[in-house]
Protein backbone atom coordinates (compact mmCIF):
# COMPACT_ATOMS: atom_id res chain seq x y z
CA MET A 1 93.55 6.48 73.94
CA ALA A 2 96.24 5.47 76.34
CA ASP A 3 97.67 1.95 76.69
CA GLY A 4 95.98 -0.46 79.03
CA ILE A 5 96.56 -0.95 82.66
CA SER A 6 97.98 -3.98 84.46
CA ILE A 7 96.90 -4.52 88.04
CA TYR A 8 98.51 -6.98 90.42
CA ASP A 9 96.25 -7.64 93.25
CA LEU A 10 97.82 -9.46 96.14
CA ARG A 11 95.04 -8.74 98.72
CA GLU A 12 93.21 -11.69 100.40
CA ILE A 13 89.94 -10.38 98.82
CA ALA A 14 91.39 -10.49 95.30
CA ARG A 15 89.37 -12.38 92.82
CA HIS A 16 92.33 -12.60 90.48
CA VAL A 17 95.98 -11.91 90.96
CA VAL A 18 96.50 -10.10 87.54
CA TYR A 19 94.06 -7.87 85.74
CA ARG A 20 94.59 -6.30 82.35
CA LEU A 21 92.29 -3.36 81.75
CA THR A 22 92.00 -2.09 78.23
CA GLY A 23 89.67 0.30 76.36
CA LEU A 24 86.80 1.84 78.29
CA ARG A 25 87.63 -0.15 81.56
CA ALA A 26 91.29 1.36 81.55
CA GLU A 27 89.96 4.86 80.73
CA ILE A 28 87.28 4.81 83.50
CA TYR A 29 89.82 3.24 86.02
CA ARG A 30 92.23 6.14 85.20
CA ALA A 31 89.49 8.70 85.69
CA CYS A 32 88.76 7.20 89.12
CA ARG A 33 92.39 7.77 90.42
CA SER A 34 90.83 10.63 92.21
CA VAL A 35 87.25 10.58 93.41
CA SER A 36 84.81 10.76 90.47
CA ASN A 37 81.06 10.63 90.40
CA LYS A 38 79.00 8.66 88.00
CA LYS A 39 77.36 11.75 86.46
CA ALA A 40 80.75 13.24 85.45
CA LEU A 41 81.97 9.84 84.05
CA VAL A 42 78.86 9.54 81.89
CA GLN A 43 79.39 13.18 80.66
CA LYS A 44 83.03 12.37 79.82
CA PHE A 45 82.50 9.04 78.16
CA ARG A 46 78.93 9.71 76.70
CA ASP A 47 77.46 6.24 77.18
CA GLU A 48 75.62 5.68 80.41
CA GLU A 49 75.01 2.03 79.84
CA LYS A 50 78.60 1.23 79.13
CA VAL A 51 79.85 3.40 81.94
CA SER A 52 77.34 1.71 84.33
CA GLU A 53 78.38 -1.72 83.13
CA THR A 54 82.06 -0.88 83.53
CA LEU A 55 81.59 0.56 87.05
CA GLU A 56 79.63 -2.62 88.10
CA TYR A 57 82.47 -4.78 86.78
CA LEU A 58 85.23 -2.81 88.53
CA CYS A 59 83.26 -2.83 91.83
CA ALA A 60 82.52 -6.56 91.66
CA GLU A 61 86.20 -7.28 91.09
CA ASN A 62 87.02 -5.05 94.14
CA LEU A 63 89.20 -2.72 91.97
CA ILE A 64 87.22 0.51 92.76
CA LEU A 65 85.40 1.73 95.90
CA ASN A 66 81.93 2.94 95.42
CA ILE A 67 80.22 5.21 98.12
CA GLY A 68 77.01 6.71 96.84
CA ALA A 69 77.67 8.10 93.44
CA ASP A 70 81.28 8.47 93.92
CA TYR A 71 84.04 6.03 92.75
CA LEU A 72 87.72 5.59 93.62
CA ALA A 73 90.30 3.40 92.10
CA LEU A 74 92.07 1.31 94.75
CA ALA A 75 95.32 0.32 93.11
CA ILE A 76 98.38 2.44 93.51
CA ASP A 77 101.11 2.92 90.99
CA TRP A 78 104.21 1.11 92.31
CA ARG A 79 106.50 3.61 90.57
CA VAL A 80 104.87 6.46 92.47
CA ALA A 81 104.82 4.51 95.71
CA LYS A 82 108.61 3.81 95.36
CA GLY A 83 109.35 7.47 94.45
CA ARG A 84 109.75 6.93 90.76
CA THR A 85 107.75 8.49 88.03
């Protein structure tokens, strides 16, 4: 499993300025860097209840966008945005 993710949210709608996602939250967030649907996430992570709880949390914190069954992470990697990888 990859390391966690730190998210700095400076938007007016931010509920917190800093988020630290670890474990399943981080893995699902990474999976949503491109549009992912809930069915595919459940198949990948094999636990519908935990996937649903994680998606609900990420949506409630305004970290991912949900349209229908599709999810998209909203944060951008500052290294990519500045041309660094």
